[in-house]
Amino acid sequence: MNFIRKIINKTTAGPYWVMYDNECSLCYQITRFFKFFDMFNKIQWVDKNWTGYFPDEGRNEIKKTVVVFNPEENKLYYKSKAVSKIISCMPFGFLFF
């Protein structure tokens, strides 16, 4: 079982930080759905009021769309690219591409 867990963990992307609008009920429900499938904790989910580090450019875009931040590469992703990054962190997420 540990072997399978290691393989799945290596085939998923991440870690990423995802900032979402916690005042939007649809955004909140979608976030809960993805949190359920994030078994390896590859995503740090932060709401728009989070006081930790997050690039200002990403904070400005959060009113329009979900924002994914890759701290290793210091890169931001928006809209469909952001959603694809989130799905790539899920076990067997590549099946949904």
C-alpha atoms as a PDB file:
ATOM      1  CA  MET A   1       0.000   0.000   0.000  1.00  0.00           C
ATOM      2  CA  ASN A   2       2.856   2.353   0.807  1.00  0.00           C
ATOM      3  CA  PHE A   3       4.366   1.656  -2.622  1.00  0.00           C
ATOM      4  CA  ILE A   4       1.147   2.696  -4.392  1.00  0.00           C
ATOM      5  CA  ARG A   5       0.924   5.822  -2.259  1.00  0.00           C
ATOM      6  CA  LYS A   6       4.487   6.813  -3.235  1.00  0.00           C
ATOM      7  CA  ILE A   7       3.780   6.289  -6.929  1.00  0.00           C
ATOM      8  CA  ILE A   8       0.600   8.363  -6.828  1.00  0.00           C
ATOM      9  CA  ASN A   9       2.326  11.065  -4.818  1.00  0.00           C
ATOM     10  CA  LYS A  10       5.158  11.273  -7.380  1.00  0.00           C
ATOM     11  CA  THR A  11       2.758  11.464 -10.352  1.00  0.00           C
ATOM     12  CA  THR A  12       0.851  14.452  -8.987  1.00  0.00           C
ATOM     13  CA  ALA A  13       1.974  18.065  -9.291  1.00  0.00           C
ATOM     14  CA  GLY A  14       2.439  20.563  -6.528  1.00  0.00           C
ATOM     15  CA  PRO A  15       2.727  22.009  -4.037  1.00  0.00           C
ATOM     16  CA  TYR A  16       0.650  25.032  -4.998  1.00  0.00           C
ATOM     17  CA  TRP A  17      -1.136  27.763  -3.103  1.00  0.00           C
ATOM     18  CA  VAL A  18      -4.682  28.476  -4.217  1.00  0.00           C
ATOM     19  CA  MET A  19      -6.362  31.742  -3.280  1.00  0.00           C
ATOM     20  CA  TYR A  20     -10.127  31.876  -3.578  1.00  0.00           C
ATOM     21  CA  ASP A  21     -12.965  34.262  -2.755  1.00  0.00           C
ATOM     22  CA  ASN A  22     -14.369  32.972   0.541  1.00  0.00           C
ATOM     23  CA  GLU A  23     -17.378  35.306   0.330  1.00  0.00           C
ATOM     24  CA  CYS A  24     -18.664  33.610  -2.829  1.00  0.00           C
ATOM     25  CA  SER A  25     -20.754  30.570  -1.871  1.00  0.00           C
ATOM     26  CA  LEU A  26     -20.089  28.801  -5.194  1.00  0.00           C
ATOM     27  CA  CYS A  27     -16.332  29.321  -4.816  1.00  0.00           C
ATOM     28  CA  TYR A  28     -16.497  27.996  -1.267  1.00  0.00           C
ATOM     29  CA  GLN A  29     -18.386  24.837  -2.338  1.00  0.00           C
ATOM     30  CA  ILE A  30     -15.969  24.149  -5.190  1.00  0.00           C
ATOM     31  CA  THR A  31     -13.057  24.589  -2.799  1.00  0.00           C
ATOM     32  CA  ARG A  32     -14.605  22.070  -0.382  1.00  0.00           C
ATOM     33  CA  PHE A  33     -14.977  19.589  -3.251  1.00  0.00           C
ATOM     34  CA  PHE A  34     -11.312  19.865  -4.239  1.00  0.00           C
ATOM     35  CA  LYS A  35     -10.130  19.764  -0.601  1.00  0.00           C
ATOM     36  CA  PHE A  36     -11.837  16.399  -0.256  1.00  0.00           C
ATOM     37  CA  PHE A  37      -9.789  14.948  -3.133  1.00  0.00           C
ATOM     38  CA  ASP A  38      -6.494  16.568  -2.105  1.00  0.00           C
ATOM     39  CA  MET A  39      -5.351  13.446  -0.249  1.00  0.00           C
ATOM     40  CA  PHE A  40      -1.655  14.313  -0.302  1.00  0.00           C
ATOM     41  CA  ASN A  41      -2.110  17.927   0.800  1.00  0.00           C
ATOM     42  CA  LYS A  42      -0.442  19.280  -2.316  1.00  0.00           C
ATOM     43  CA  ILE A  43      -2.508  22.457  -2.191  1.00  0.00           C
ATOM     44  CA  GLN A  44      -2.527  25.142   0.456  1.00  0.00           C
ATOM     45  CA  TRP A  45      -5.981  26.706   0.284  1.00  0.00           C
ATOM     46  CA  VAL A  46      -6.027  30.354   1.350  1.00  0.00           C
ATOM     47  CA  ASP A  47      -8.931  32.762   1.280  1.00  0.00           C
ATOM     48  CA  LYS A  48      -8.610  36.292  -0.024  1.00  0.00           C
ATOM     49  CA  ASN A  49      -8.246  37.721   3.504  1.00  0.00           C
ATOM     50  CA  TRP A  50      -5.147  35.654   4.263  1.00  0.00           C
ATOM     51  CA  THR A  51      -2.377  37.797   5.749  1.00  0.00           C
ATOM     52  CA  GLY A  52       0.573  35.614   4.687  1.00  0.00           C
ATOM     53  CA  TYR A  53       2.735  36.093   1.623  1.00  0.00           C
ATOM     54  CA  PHE A  54       0.960  36.019  -1.730  1.00  0.00           C
ATOM     55  CA  PRO A  55       1.981  38.115  -4.765  1.00  0.00           C
ATOM     56  CA  ASP A  56       0.070  41.397  -5.066  1.00  0.00           C
ATOM     57  CA  GLU A  57      -0.739  40.706  -8.723  1.00  0.00           C
ATOM     58  CA  GLY A  58      -2.581  37.548  -7.638  1.00  0.00           C
ATOM     59  CA  ARG A  59      -4.444  39.365  -4.874  1.00  0.00           C
ATOM     60  CA  ASN A  60      -5.688  41.903  -7.430  1.00  0.00           C
ATOM     61  CA  GLU A  61      -7.056  39.153  -9.710  1.00  0.00           C
ATOM     62  CA  ILE A  62      -8.927  37.230  -6.994  1.00  0.00           C
ATOM     63  CA  LYS A  63     -12.099  39.299  -7.538  1.00  0.00           C
ATOM     64  CA  LYS A  64     -12.261  37.966 -11.114  1.00  0.00           C
ATOM     65  CA  THR A  65     -11.008  34.383 -10.929  1.00  0.00           C
ATOM     66  CA  VAL A  66      -9.240  31.711  -8.920  1.00  0.00           C
ATOM     67  CA  VAL A  67      -5.499  32.239  -8.549  1.00  0.00           C
ATOM     68  CA  VAL A  68      -2.879  29.486  -8.224  1.00  0.00           C
ATOM     69  CA  PHE A  69       0.616  30.358  -7.049  1.00  0.00           C
ATOM     70  CA  ASN A  70       3.625  28.094  -7.514  1.00  0.00           C
ATOM     71  CA  PRO A  71       6.047  29.162  -4.746  1.00  0.00           C
ATOM     72  CA  GLU A  72       8.948  27.128  -6.157  1.00  0.00           C
ATOM     73  CA  GLU A  73       8.893  28.969  -9.489  1.00  0.00           C
ATOM     74  CA  ASN A  74       7.272  32.171  -8.183  1.00  0.00           C
ATOM     75  CA  LYS A  75       4.614  31.912 -10.942  1.00  0.00           C
ATOM     76  CA  LEU A  76       0.916  32.742 -10.955  1.00  0.00           C
ATOM     77  CA  TYR A  77      -1.808  30.960 -12.925  1.00  0.00           C
ATOM     78  CA  TYR A  78      -5.327  32.197 -13.658  1.00  0.00           C
ATOM     79  CA  LYS A  79      -8.635  30.899 -15.008  1.00  0.00           C
ATOM     80  CA  SER A  80      -8.495  27.582 -16.906  1.00  0.00           C
ATOM     81  CA  LYS A  81      -4.734  27.218 -16.412  1.00  0.00           C
ATOM     82  CA  ALA A  82      -5.274  27.566 -12.648  1.00  0.00           C
ATOM     83  CA  VAL A  83      -7.982  24.908 -12.655  1.00  0.00           C
ATOM     84  CA  SER A  84      -5.744  22.544 -14.627  1.00  0.00           C
ATOM     85  CA  LYS A  85      -2.987  23.051 -12.036  1.00  0.00           C
ATOM     86  CA  ILE A  86      -5.431  22.173  -9.245  1.00  0.00           C
ATOM     87  CA  ILE A  87      -6.609  19.034 -11.046  1.00  0.00           C
ATOM     88  CA  SER A  88      -3.009  17.969 -11.686  1.00  0.00           C
ATOM     89  CA  CYS A  89      -2.495  17.806  -7.905  1.00  0.00           C
ATOM     90  CA  MET A  90      -5.304  15.296  -7.437  1.00  0.00           C
ATOM     91  CA  PRO A  91      -4.657  11.541  -7.533  1.00  0.00           C
ATOM     92  CA  PHE A  92      -5.583  10.352 -11.036  1.00  0.00           C
ATOM     93  CA  GLY A  93      -6.302  13.976 -11.978  1.00  0.00           C
ATOM     94  CA  PHE A  94      -4.636  13.366 -15.323  1.00  0.00           C
ATOM     95  CA  LEU A  95      -7.686  11.271 -16.271  1.00  0.00           C
ATOM     96  CA  PHE A  96      -9.814  14.437 -16.228  1.00  0.00           C
ATOM     97  CA  PHE A  97      -7.561  16.381 -18.585  1.00  0.00           C
END
